[in-house]
Amino acid sequence: ADFTENEKRKRFVELGKVAKSQIEARLKAGDAFDKAVAAAGSSSGLK
């Protein structure tokens, strides 16, 4: 149970970092925040 929870949170944090980078890149490219987040969610699997 501890390993499963630890691994789940670790992957959640890693995907959060990926999503942040993707959102920042799209914002710099001129996307609106909502559109940038939607794209990052699709590629990362986060809702």
ModelCIF file with pLDDT and N, C-alpha, C, O atoms, coordinates in Angstrom:
data_MODEL
#
_entry.id   MODEL 
#
_entity.id                         1 
_entity.type                       polymer 
_entity.pdbx_number_of_molecules   1 
#
_entity_poly.entity_id                      1 
_entity_poly.type                           'polypeptide(L)' 
_entity_poly.nstd_linkage                   no 
_entity_poly.nstd_monomer                   no 
_entity_poly.pdbx_seq_one_letter_code       ADFTENEKRKRFVELGKVAKSQIEARLKAGDAFDKAVAAAGSSSGLK 
_entity_poly.pdbx_seq_one_letter_code_can   ADFTENEKRKRFVELGKVAKSQIEARLKAGDAFDKAVAAAGSSSGLK 
_entity_poly.pdbx_strand_id                 A 
#
loop_
_entity_poly_seq.entity_id 
_entity_poly_seq.num 
_entity_poly_seq.mon_id 
_entity_poly_seq.hetero 
1 1  ALA n 
1 2  ASP n 
1 3  PHE n 
1 4  THR n 
1 5  GLU n 
1 6  ASN n 
1 7  GLU n 
1 8  LYS n 
1 9  ARG n 
1 10 LYS n 
1 11 ARG n 
1 12 PHE n 
1 13 VAL n 
1 14 GLU n 
1 15 LEU n 
1 16 GLY n 
1 17 LYS n 
1 18 VAL n 
1 19 ALA n 
1 20 LYS n 
1 21 SER n 
1 22 GLN n 
1 23 ILE n 
1 24 GLU n 
1 25 ALA n 
1 26 ARG n 
1 27 LEU n 
1 28 LYS n 
1 29 ALA n 
1 30 GLY n 
1 31 ASP n 
1 32 ALA n 
1 33 PHE n 
1 34 ASP n 
1 35 LYS n 
1 36 ALA n 
1 37 VAL n 
1 38 ALA n 
1 39 ALA n 
1 40 ALA n 
1 41 GLY n 
1 42 SER n 
1 43 SER n 
1 44 SER n 
1 45 GLY n 
1 46 LEU n 
1 47 LYS n 
#
_struct_asym.id          A 
_struct_asym.entity_id   1 
#
loop_
_ma_qa_metric.id 
_ma_qa_metric.mode 
_ma_qa_metric.name 
_ma_qa_metric.software_group_id 
_ma_qa_metric.type 
1 global pLDDT . pLDDT 
2 local  pLDDT . pLDDT 
#
_ma_qa_metric_global.metric_id      1 
_ma_qa_metric_global.metric_value   93.19 
_ma_qa_metric_global.model_id       1 
_ma_qa_metric_global.ordinal_id     1 
#
loop_
_ma_qa_metric_local.label_asym_id 
_ma_qa_metric_local.label_comp_id 
_ma_qa_metric_local.label_seq_id 
_ma_qa_metric_local.metric_id 
_ma_qa_metric_local.metric_value 
_ma_qa_metric_local.model_id 
_ma_qa_metric_local.ordinal_id 
A ALA 1  2 95.00 1 1  
A ASP 2  2 95.00 1 2  
A PHE 3  2 95.00 1 3  
A THR 4  2 94.00 1 4  
A GLU 5  2 94.00 1 5  
A ASN 6  2 94.00 1 6  
A GLU 7  2 94.00 1 7  
A LYS 8  2 94.00 1 8  
A ARG 9  2 94.00 1 9  
A LYS 10 2 94.00 1 10 
A ARG 11 2 94.00 1 11 
A PHE 12 2 94.00 1 12 
A VAL 13 2 93.00 1 13 
A GLU 14 2 94.00 1 14 
A LEU 15 2 94.00 1 15 
A GLY 16 2 93.00 1 16 
A LYS 17 2 94.00 1 17 
A VAL 18 2 94.00 1 18 
A ALA 19 2 94.00 1 19 
A LYS 20 2 94.00 1 20 
A SER 21 2 94.00 1 21 
A GLN 22 2 94.00 1 22 
A ILE 23 2 95.00 1 23 
A GLU 24 2 94.00 1 24 
A ALA 25 2 94.00 1 25 
A ARG 26 2 94.00 1 26 
A LEU 27 2 94.00 1 27 
A LYS 28 2 93.00 1 28 
A ALA 29 2 93.00 1 29 
A GLY 30 2 93.00 1 30 
A ASP 31 2 93.00 1 31 
A ALA 32 2 94.00 1 32 
A PHE 33 2 94.00 1 33 
A ASP 34 2 93.00 1 34 
A LYS 35 2 95.00 1 35 
A ALA 36 2 95.00 1 36 
A VAL 37 2 94.00 1 37 
A ALA 38 2 94.00 1 38 
A ALA 39 2 94.00 1 39 
A ALA 40 2 93.00 1 40 
A GLY 41 2 91.00 1 41 
A SER 42 2 90.00 1 42 
A SER 43 2 89.00 1 43 
A SER 44 2 86.00 1 44 
A GLY 45 2 85.00 1 45 
A LEU 46 2 90.00 1 46 
A LYS 47 2 91.00 1 47 
#
loop_
_atom_site.group_PDB 
_atom_site.id 
_atom_site.type_symbol 
_atom_site.label_atom_id 
_atom_site.label_alt_id 
_atom_site.label_comp_id 
_atom_site.label_asym_id 
_atom_site.label_entity_id 
_atom_site.label_seq_id 
_atom_site.pdbx_PDB_ins_code 
_atom_site.Cartn_x 
_atom_site.Cartn_y 
_atom_site.Cartn_z 
_atom_site.occupancy 
_atom_site.B_iso_or_equiv 
_atom_site.pdbx_formal_charge 
_atom_site.auth_seq_id 
_atom_site.auth_comp_id 
_atom_site.auth_asym_id 
_atom_site.auth_atom_id 
_atom_site.pdbx_PDB_model_num 
ATOM 1   N N  . ALA A 1 1  ? 0.830  -1.212 0.000   1.00 95.00 ? 1  ALA A N  1 
ATOM 2   C CA . ALA A 1 1  ? 0.000  0.000  0.000   1.00 95.00 ? 1  ALA A CA 1 
ATOM 3   C C  . ALA A 1 1  ? 0.862  1.258  0.000   1.00 95.00 ? 1  ALA A C  1 
ATOM 4   O O  . ALA A 1 1  ? 0.572  2.210  -0.724  1.00 95.00 ? 1  ALA A O  1 
ATOM 5   N N  . ASP A 1 2  ? 1.914  1.265  0.805   1.00 95.00 ? 2  ASP A N  1 
ATOM 6   C CA . ASP A 1 2  ? 2.790  2.430  0.877   1.00 95.00 ? 2  ASP A CA 1 
ATOM 7   C C  . ASP A 1 2  ? 3.543  2.642  -0.434  1.00 95.00 ? 2  ASP A C  1 
ATOM 8   O O  . ASP A 1 2  ? 3.669  3.769  -0.912  1.00 95.00 ? 2  ASP A O  1 
ATOM 9   N N  . PHE A 1 3  ? 4.042  1.545  -1.012  1.00 95.00 ? 3  PHE A N  1 
ATOM 10  C CA . PHE A 1 3  ? 4.778  1.650  -2.274  1.00 95.00 ? 3  PHE A CA 1 
ATOM 11  C C  . PHE A 1 3  ? 3.866  2.168  -3.379  1.00 95.00 ? 3  PHE A C  1 
ATOM 12  O O  . PHE A 1 3  ? 4.258  3.021  -4.175  1.00 95.00 ? 3  PHE A O  1 
ATOM 13  N N  . THR A 1 4  ? 2.641  1.638  -3.417  1.00 94.00 ? 4  THR A N  1 
ATOM 14  C CA . THR A 1 4  ? 1.693  2.059  -4.455  1.00 94.00 ? 4  THR A CA 1 
ATOM 15  C C  . THR A 1 4  ? 1.378  3.542  -4.333  1.00 94.00 ? 4  THR A C  1 
ATOM 16  O O  . THR A 1 4  ? 1.374  4.263  -5.331  1.00 94.00 ? 4  THR A O  1 
ATOM 17  N N  . GLU A 1 5  ? 1.117  3.995  -3.127  1.00 94.00 ? 5  GLU A N  1 
ATOM 18  C CA . GLU A 1 5  ? 0.810  5.413  -2.917  1.00 94.00 ? 5  GLU A CA 1 
ATOM 19  C C  . GLU A 1 5  ? 2.030  6.284  -3.222  1.00 94.00 ? 5  GLU A C  1 
ATOM 20  O O  . GLU A 1 5  ? 1.897  7.354  -3.815  1.00 94.00 ? 5  GLU A O  1 
ATOM 21  N N  . ASN A 1 6  ? 3.202  5.833  -2.822  1.00 94.00 ? 6  ASN A N  1 
ATOM 22  C CA . ASN A 1 6  ? 4.421  6.596  -3.066  1.00 94.00 ? 6  ASN A CA 1 
ATOM 23  C C  . ASN A 1 6  ? 4.690  6.724  -4.564  1.00 94.00 ? 6  ASN A C  1 
ATOM 24  O O  . ASN A 1 6  ? 5.055  7.795  -5.048  1.00 94.00 ? 6  ASN A O  1 
ATOM 25  N N  . GLU A 1 7  ? 4.508  5.627  -5.289  1.00 94.00 ? 7  GLU A N  1 
ATOM 26  C CA . GLU A 1 7  ? 4.749  5.639  -6.733  1.00 94.00 ? 7  GLU A CA 1 
ATOM 27  C C  . GLU A 1 7  ? 3.710  6.488  -7.458  1.00 94.00 ? 7  GLU A C  1 
ATOM 28  O O  . GLU A 1 7  ? 4.031  7.195  -8.413  1.00 94.00 ? 7  GLU A O  1 
ATOM 29  N N  . LYS A 1 8  ? 2.463  6.413  -6.998  1.00 94.00 ? 8  LYS A N  1 
ATOM 30  C CA . LYS A 1 8  ? 1.399  7.212  -7.604  1.00 94.00 ? 8  LYS A CA 1 
ATOM 31  C C  . LYS A 1 8  ? 1.691  8.704  -7.441  1.00 94.00 ? 8  LYS A C  1 
ATOM 32  O O  . LYS A 1 8  ? 1.583  9.468  -8.401  1.00 94.00 ? 8  LYS A O  1 
ATOM 33  N N  . ARG A 1 9  ? 2.060  9.117  -6.229  1.00 94.00 ? 9  ARG A N  1 
ATOM 34  C CA . ARG A 1 9  ? 2.342  10.544 -6.000  1.00 94.00 ? 9  ARG A CA 1 
ATOM 35  C C  . ARG A 1 9  ? 3.572  10.988 -6.779  1.00 94.00 ? 9  ARG A C  1 
ATOM 36  O O  . ARG A 1 9  ? 3.607  12.097 -7.313  1.00 94.00 ? 9  ARG A O  1 
ATOM 37  N N  . LYS A 1 10 ? 4.571  10.132 -6.846  1.00 94.00 ? 10 LYS A N  1 
ATOM 38  C CA . LYS A 1 10 ? 5.789  10.482 -7.582  1.00 94.00 ? 10 LYS A CA 1 
ATOM 39  C C  . LYS A 1 10 ? 5.457  10.731 -9.058  1.00 94.00 ? 10 LYS A C  1 
ATOM 40  O O  . LYS A 1 10 ? 5.923  11.706 -9.647  1.00 94.00 ? 10 LYS A O  1 
ATOM 41  N N  . ARG A 1 11 ? 4.662  9.858  -9.643  1.00 94.00 ? 11 ARG A N  1 
ATOM 42  C CA . ARG A 1 11 ? 4.298  10.020 -11.066 1.00 94.00 ? 11 ARG A CA 1 
ATOM 43  C C  . ARG A 1 11 ? 3.402  11.244 -11.259 1.00 94.00 ? 11 ARG A C  1 
ATOM 44  O O  . ARG A 1 11 ? 3.502  11.940 -12.269 1.00 94.00 ? 11 ARG A O  1 
ATOM 45  N N  . PHE A 1 12 ? 2.532  11.500 -10.289 1.00 94.00 ? 12 PHE A N  1 
ATOM 46  C CA . PHE A 1 12 ? 1.662  12.673 -10.350 1.00 94.00 ? 12 PHE A CA 1 
ATOM 47  C C  . PHE A 1 12 ? 2.503  13.949 -10.373 1.00 94.00 ? 12 PHE A C  1 
ATOM 48  O O  . PHE A 1 12 ? 2.236  14.861 -11.155 1.00 94.00 ? 12 PHE A O  1 
ATOM 49  N N  . VAL A 1 13 ? 3.521  14.008 -9.512  1.00 93.00 ? 13 VAL A N  1 
ATOM 50  C CA . VAL A 1 13 ? 4.395  15.179 -9.456  1.00 93.00 ? 13 VAL A CA 1 
ATOM 51  C C  . VAL A 1 13 ? 5.187  15.330 -10.746 1.00 93.00 ? 13 VAL A C  1 
ATOM 52  O O  . VAL A 1 13 ? 5.334  16.440 -11.259 1.00 93.00 ? 13 VAL A O  1 
ATOM 53  N N  . GLU A 1 14 ? 5.696  14.223 -11.271 1.00 94.00 ? 14 GLU A N  1 
ATOM 54  C CA . GLU A 1 14 ? 6.480  14.275 -12.513 1.00 94.00 ? 14 GLU A CA 1 
ATOM 55  C C  . GLU A 1 14 ? 5.626  14.781 -13.669 1.00 94.00 ? 14 GLU A C  1 
ATOM 56  O O  . GLU A 1 14 ? 6.084  15.597 -14.469 1.00 94.00 ? 14 GLU A O  1 
ATOM 57  N N  . LEU A 1 15 ? 4.383  14.299 -13.762 1.00 94.00 ? 15 LEU A N  1 
ATOM 58  C CA . LEU A 1 15 ? 3.493  14.769 -14.824 1.00 94.00 ? 15 LEU A CA 1 
ATOM 59  C C  . LEU A 1 15 ? 3.119  16.230 -14.618 1.00 94.00 ? 15 LEU A C  1 
ATOM 60  O O  . LEU A 1 15 ? 2.900  16.966 -15.580 1.00 94.00 ? 15 LEU A O  1 
ATOM 61  N N  . GLY A 1 16 ? 3.047  16.645 -13.351 1.00 93.00 ? 16 GLY A N  1 
ATOM 62  C CA . GLY A 1 16 ? 2.787  18.056 -13.063 1.00 93.00 ? 16 GLY A CA 1 
ATOM 63  C C  . GLY A 1 16 ? 3.899  18.941 -13.602 1.00 93.00 ? 16 GLY A C  1 
ATOM 64  O O  . GLY A 1 16 ? 3.632  20.019 -14.133 1.00 93.00 ? 16 GLY A O  1 
ATOM 65  N N  . LYS A 1 17 ? 5.145  18.495 -13.471 1.00 94.00 ? 17 LYS A N  1 
ATOM 66  C CA . LYS A 1 17 ? 6.286  19.255 -14.000 1.00 94.00 ? 17 LYS A CA 1 
ATOM 67  C C  . LYS A 1 17 ? 6.226  19.332 -15.525 1.00 94.00 ? 17 LYS A C  1 
ATOM 68  O O  . LYS A 1 17 ? 6.495  20.374 -16.123 1.00 94.00 ? 17 LYS A O  1 
ATOM 69  N N  . VAL A 1 18 ? 5.865  18.201 -16.140 1.00 94.00 ? 18 VAL A N  1 
ATOM 70  C CA . VAL A 1 18 ? 5.755  18.184 -17.601 1.00 94.00 ? 18 VAL A CA 1 
ATOM 71  C C  . VAL A 1 18 ? 4.649  19.129 -18.053 1.00 94.00 ? 18 VAL A C  1 
ATOM 72  O O  . VAL A 1 18 ? 4.822  19.887 -19.008 1.00 94.00 ? 18 VAL A O  1 
ATOM 73  N N  . ALA A 1 19 ? 3.507  19.081 -17.361 1.00 94.00 ? 19 ALA A N  1 
ATOM 74  C CA . ALA A 1 19 ? 2.375  19.935 -17.724 1.00 94.00 ? 19 ALA A CA 1 
ATOM 75  C C  . ALA A 1 19 ? 2.748  21.408 -17.569 1.00 94.00 ? 19 ALA A C  1 
ATOM 76  O O  . ALA A 1 19 ? 2.388  22.230 -18.411 1.00 94.00 ? 19 ALA A O  1 
ATOM 77  N N  . LYS A 1 20 ? 3.466  21.744 -16.497 1.00 94.00 ? 20 LYS A N  1 
ATOM 78  C CA . LYS A 1 20 ? 3.882  23.136 -16.293 1.00 94.00 ? 20 LYS A CA 1 
ATOM 79  C C  . LYS A 1 20 ? 4.721  23.625 -17.473 1.00 94.00 ? 20 LYS A C  1 
ATOM 80  O O  . LYS A 1 20 ? 4.488  24.716 -17.994 1.00 94.00 ? 20 LYS A O  1 
ATOM 81  N N  . SER A 1 21 ? 5.689  22.823 -17.891 1.00 94.00 ? 21 SER A N  1 
ATOM 82  C CA . SER A 1 21 ? 6.561  23.224 -19.008 1.00 94.00 ? 21 SER A CA 1 
ATOM 83  C C  . SER A 1 21 ? 5.757  23.401 -20.294 1.00 94.00 ? 21 SER A C  1 
ATOM 84  O O  . SER A 1 21 ? 5.979  24.342 -21.057 1.00 94.00 ? 21 SER A O  1 
ATOM 85  N N  . GLN A 1 22 ? 4.835  22.493 -20.516 1.00 94.00 ? 22 GLN A N  1 
ATOM 86  C CA . GLN A 1 22 ? 4.026  22.587 -21.733 1.00 94.00 ? 22 GLN A CA 1 
ATOM 87  C C  . GLN A 1 22 ? 3.124  23.823 -21.708 1.00 94.00 ? 22 GLN A C  1 
ATOM 88  O O  . GLN A 1 22 ? 2.956  24.492 -22.728 1.00 94.00 ? 22 GLN A O  1 
ATOM 89  N N  . ILE A 1 23 ? 2.551  24.120 -20.557 1.00 95.00 ? 23 ILE A N  1 
ATOM 90  C CA . ILE A 1 23 ? 1.669  25.301 -20.445 1.00 95.00 ? 23 ILE A CA 1 
ATOM 91  C C  . ILE A 1 23 ? 2.471  26.580 -20.663 1.00 95.00 ? 23 ILE A C  1 
ATOM 92  O O  . ILE A 1 23 ? 2.029  27.477 -21.382 1.00 95.00 ? 23 ILE A O  1 
ATOM 93  N N  . GLU A 1 24 ? 3.650  26.667 -20.043 1.00 94.00 ? 24 GLU A N  1 
ATOM 94  C CA . GLU A 1 24 ? 4.494  27.861 -20.212 1.00 94.00 ? 24 GLU A CA 1 
ATOM 95  C C  . GLU A 1 24 ? 4.865  28.054 -21.674 1.00 94.00 ? 24 GLU A C  1 
ATOM 96  O O  . GLU A 1 24 ? 4.836  29.172 -22.188 1.00 94.00 ? 24 GLU A O  1 
ATOM 97  N N  . ALA A 1 25 ? 5.217  26.944 -22.350 1.00 94.00 ? 25 ALA A N  1 
ATOM 98  C CA . ALA A 1 25 ? 5.606  27.039 -23.765 1.00 94.00 ? 25 ALA A CA 1 
ATOM 99  C C  . ALA A 1 25 ? 4.443  27.544 -24.616 1.00 94.00 ? 25 ALA A C  1 
ATOM 100 O O  . ALA A 1 25 ? 4.646  28.389 -25.488 1.00 94.00 ? 25 ALA A O  1 
ATOM 101 N N  . ARG A 1 26 ? 3.245  27.050 -24.382 1.00 94.00 ? 26 ARG A N  1 
ATOM 102 C CA . ARG A 1 26 ? 2.087  27.464 -25.165 1.00 94.00 ? 26 ARG A CA 1 
ATOM 103 C C  . ARG A 1 26 ? 1.677  28.910 -24.851 1.00 94.00 ? 26 ARG A C  1 
ATOM 104 O O  . ARG A 1 26 ? 1.208  29.635 -25.728 1.00 94.00 ? 26 ARG A O  1 
ATOM 105 N N  . LEU A 1 27 ? 1.862  29.319 -23.581 1.00 94.00 ? 27 LEU A N  1 
ATOM 106 C CA . LEU A 1 27 ? 1.557  30.714 -23.237 1.00 94.00 ? 27 LEU A CA 1 
ATOM 107 C C  . LEU A 1 27 ? 2.497  31.664 -23.971 1.00 94.00 ? 27 LEU A C  1 
ATOM 108 O O  . LEU A 1 27 ? 2.073  32.716 -24.449 1.00 94.00 ? 27 LEU A O  1 
ATOM 109 N N  . LYS A 1 28 ? 3.765  31.295 -24.060 1.00 93.00 ? 28 LYS A N  1 
ATOM 110 C CA . LYS A 1 28 ? 4.732  32.124 -24.777 1.00 93.00 ? 28 LYS A CA 1 
ATOM 111 C C  . LYS A 1 28 ? 4.413  32.169 -26.273 1.00 93.00 ? 28 LYS A C  1 
ATOM 112 O O  . LYS A 1 28 ? 4.703  33.149 -26.960 1.00 93.00 ? 28 LYS A O  1 
ATOM 113 N N  . ALA A 1 29 ? 3.810  31.087 -26.754 1.00 93.00 ? 29 ALA A N  1 
ATOM 114 C CA . ALA A 1 29 ? 3.441  31.046 -28.179 1.00 93.00 ? 29 ALA A CA 1 
ATOM 115 C C  . ALA A 1 29 ? 2.166  31.810 -28.463 1.00 93.00 ? 29 ALA A C  1 
ATOM 116 O O  . ALA A 1 29 ? 1.766  31.952 -29.619 1.00 93.00 ? 29 ALA A O  1 
ATOM 117 N N  . GLY A 1 30 ? 1.516  32.310 -27.402 1.00 93.00 ? 30 GLY A N  1 
ATOM 118 C CA . GLY A 1 30 ? 0.332  33.139 -27.585 1.00 93.00 ? 30 GLY A CA 1 
ATOM 119 C C  . GLY A 1 30 ? -0.984 32.474 -27.280 1.00 93.00 ? 30 GLY A C  1 
ATOM 120 O O  . GLY A 1 30 ? -2.034 33.093 -27.449 1.00 93.00 ? 30 GLY A O  1 
ATOM 121 N N  . ASP A 1 31 ? -0.966 31.218 -26.831 1.00 93.00 ? 31 ASP A N  1 
ATOM 122 C CA . ASP A 1 31 ? -2.220 30.542 -26.492 1.00 93.00 ? 31 ASP A CA 1 
ATOM 123 C C  . ASP A 1 31 ? -2.840 31.152 -25.233 1.00 93.00 ? 31 ASP A C  1 
ATOM 124 O O  . ASP A 1 31 ? -2.133 31.680 -24.374 1.00 93.00 ? 31 ASP A O  1 
ATOM 125 N N  . ALA A 1 32 ? -4.151 31.072 -25.138 1.00 94.00 ? 32 ALA A N  1 
ATOM 126 C CA . ALA A 1 32 ? -4.836 31.442 -23.903 1.00 94.00 ? 32 ALA A CA 1 
ATOM 127 C C  . ALA A 1 32 ? -4.580 30.365 -22.859 1.00 94.00 ? 32 ALA A C  1 
ATOM 128 O O  . ALA A 1 32 ? -4.263 29.225 -23.198 1.00 94.00 ? 32 ALA A O  1 
ATOM 129 N N  . PHE A 1 33 ? -4.720 30.731 -21.591 1.00 94.00 ? 33 PHE A N  1 
ATOM 130 C CA . PHE A 1 33 ? -4.400 29.797 -20.501 1.00 94.00 ? 33 PHE A CA 1 
ATOM 131 C C  . PHE A 1 33 ? -5.259 28.536 -20.592 1.00 94.00 ? 33 PHE A C  1 
ATOM 132 O O  . PHE A 1 33 ? -4.738 27.428 -20.470 1.00 94.00 ? 33 PHE A O  1 
ATOM 133 N N  . ASP A 1 34 ? -6.557 28.688 -20.803 1.00 93.00 ? 34 ASP A N  1 
ATOM 134 C CA . ASP A 1 34 ? -7.446 27.528 -20.878 1.00 93.00 ? 34 ASP A CA 1 
ATOM 135 C C  . ASP A 1 34 ? -7.020 26.557 -21.975 1.00 93.00 ? 34 ASP A C  1 
ATOM 136 O O  . ASP A 1 34 ? -7.007 25.342 -21.776 1.00 93.00 ? 34 ASP A O  1 
ATOM 137 N N  . LYS A 1 35 ? -6.671 27.117 -23.142 1.00 95.00 ? 35 LYS A N  1 
ATOM 138 C CA . LYS A 1 35 ? -6.267 26.278 -24.266 1.00 95.00 ? 35 LYS A CA 1 
ATOM 139 C C  . LYS A 1 35 ? -4.937 25.586 -23.979 1.00 95.00 ? 35 LYS A C  1 
ATOM 140 O O  . LYS A 1 35 ? -4.746 24.423 -24.334 1.00 95.00 ? 35 LYS A O  1 
ATOM 141 N N  . ALA A 1 36 ? -4.024 26.305 -23.337 1.00 95.00 ? 36 ALA A N  1 
ATOM 142 C CA . ALA A 1 36 ? -2.719 25.725 -23.003 1.00 95.00 ? 36 ALA A CA 1 
ATOM 143 C C  . ALA A 1 36 ? -2.879 24.579 -22.005 1.00 95.00 ? 36 ALA A C  1 
ATOM 144 O O  . ALA A 1 36 ? -2.214 23.550 -22.129 1.00 95.00 ? 36 ALA A O  1 
ATOM 145 N N  . VAL A 1 37 ? -3.760 24.754 -21.016 1.00 94.00 ? 37 VAL A N  1 
ATOM 146 C CA . VAL A 1 37 ? -3.984 23.713 -20.013 1.00 94.00 ? 37 VAL A CA 1 
ATOM 147 C C  . VAL A 1 37 ? -4.635 22.489 -20.641 1.00 94.00 ? 37 VAL A C  1 
ATOM 148 O O  . VAL A 1 37 ? -4.265 21.359 -20.324 1.00 94.00 ? 37 VAL A O  1 
ATOM 149 N N  . ALA A 1 38 ? -5.600 22.704 -21.529 1.00 94.00 ? 38 ALA A N  1 
ATOM 150 C CA . ALA A 1 38 ? -6.277 21.582 -22.184 1.00 94.00 ? 38 ALA A CA 1 
ATOM 151 C C  . ALA A 1 38 ? -5.285 20.738 -22.972 1.00 94.00 ? 38 ALA A C  1 
ATOM 152 O O  . ALA A 1 38 ? -5.349 19.509 -22.941 1.00 94.00 ? 38 ALA A O  1 
ATOM 153 N N  . ALA A 1 39 ? -4.373 21.393 -23.675 1.00 94.00 ? 39 ALA A N  1 
ATOM 154 C CA . ALA A 1 39 ? -3.377 20.654 -24.457 1.00 94.00 ? 39 ALA A CA 1 
ATOM 155 C C  . ALA A 1 39 ? -2.444 19.872 -23.547 1.00 94.00 ? 39 ALA A C  1 
ATOM 156 O O  . ALA A 1 39 ? -2.101 18.724 -23.829 1.00 94.00 ? 39 ALA A O  1 
ATOM 157 N N  . ALA A 1 40 ? -2.030 20.513 -22.436 1.00 93.00 ? 40 ALA A N  1 
ATOM 158 C CA . ALA A 1 40 ? -1.126 19.830 -21.507 1.00 93.00 ? 40 ALA A CA 1 
ATOM 159 C C  . ALA A 1 40 ? -1.820 18.649 -20.851 1.00 93.00 ? 40 ALA A C  1 
ATOM 160 O O  . ALA A 1 40 ? -1.188 17.618 -20.623 1.00 93.00 ? 40 ALA A O  1 
ATOM 161 N N  . GLY A 1 41 ? -3.114 18.776 -20.541 1.00 91.00 ? 41 GLY A N  1 
ATOM 162 C CA . GLY A 1 41 ? -3.851 17.679 -19.936 1.00 91.00 ? 41 GLY A CA 1 
ATOM 163 C C  . GLY A 1 41 ? -3.972 16.494 -20.873 1.00 91.00 ? 41 GLY A C  1 
ATOM 164 O O  . GLY A 1 41 ? -3.867 15.346 -20.442 1.00 91.00 ? 41 GLY A O  1 
ATOM 165 N N  . SER A 1 42 ? -4.192 16.762 -22.145 1.00 90.00 ? 42 SER A N  1 
ATOM 166 C CA . SER A 1 42 ? -4.325 15.686 -23.120 1.00 90.00 ? 42 SER A CA 1 
ATOM 167 C C  . SER A 1 42 ? -3.040 14.891 -23.261 1.00 90.00 ? 42 SER A C  1 
ATOM 168 O O  . SER A 1 42 ? -3.072 13.665 -23.370 1.00 90.00 ? 42 SER A O  1 
ATOM 169 N N  . SER A 1 43 ? -1.918 15.580 -23.260 1.00 89.00 ? 43 SER A N  1 
ATOM 170 C CA . SER A 1 43 ? -0.647 14.885 -23.460 1.00 89.00 ? 43 SER A CA 1 
ATOM 171 C C  . SER A 1 43 ? -0.141 14.202 -22.183 1.00 89.00 ? 43 SER A C  1 
ATOM 172 O O  . SER A 1 43 ? 0.568  13.198 -22.263 1.00 89.00 ? 43 SER A O  1 
ATOM 173 N N  . SER A 1 44 ? -0.497 14.736 -21.009 1.00 86.00 ? 44 SER A N  1 
ATOM 174 C CA . SER A 1 44 ? 0.013  14.172 -19.753 1.00 86.00 ? 44 SER A CA 1 
ATOM 175 C C  . SER A 1 44 ? -0.912 13.125 -19.148 1.00 86.00 ? 44 SER A C  1 
ATOM 176 O O  . SER A 1 44 ? -0.475 12.288 -18.358 1.00 86.00 ? 44 SER A O  1 
ATOM 177 N N  . GLY A 1 45 ? -2.180 13.170 -19.513 1.00 85.00 ? 45 GLY A N  1 
ATOM 178 C CA . GLY A 1 45 ? -3.134 12.243 -18.930 1.00 85.00 ? 45 GLY A CA 1 
ATOM 179 C C  . GLY A 1 45 ? -3.772 12.756 -17.648 1.00 85.00 ? 45 GLY A C  1 
ATOM 180 O O  . GLY A 1 45 ? -4.591 12.064 -17.043 1.00 85.00 ? 45 GLY A O  1 
ATOM 181 N N  . LEU A 1 46 ? -3.401 13.971 -17.227 1.00 90.00 ? 46 LEU A N  1 
ATOM 182 C CA . LEU A 1 46 ? -4.002 14.558 -16.025 1.00 90.00 ? 46 LEU A CA 1 
ATOM 183 C C  . LEU A 1 46 ? -5.315 15.249 -16.392 1.00 90.00 ? 46 LEU A C  1 
ATOM 184 O O  . LEU A 1 46 ? -5.445 15.834 -17.468 1.00 90.00 ? 46 LEU A O  1 
ATOM 185 N N  . LYS A 1 47 ? -6.294 15.171 -15.470 1.00 91.00 ? 47 LYS A N  1 
ATOM 186 C CA . LYS A 1 47 ? -7.588 15.819 -15.680 1.00 91.00 ? 47 LYS A CA 1 
ATOM 187 C C  . LYS A 1 47 ? -7.583 17.176 -14.978 1.00 91.00 ? 47 LYS A C  1 
ATOM 188 O O  . LYS A 1 47 ? -8.579 17.899 -15.024 1.00 91.00 ? 47 LYS A O  1 
#
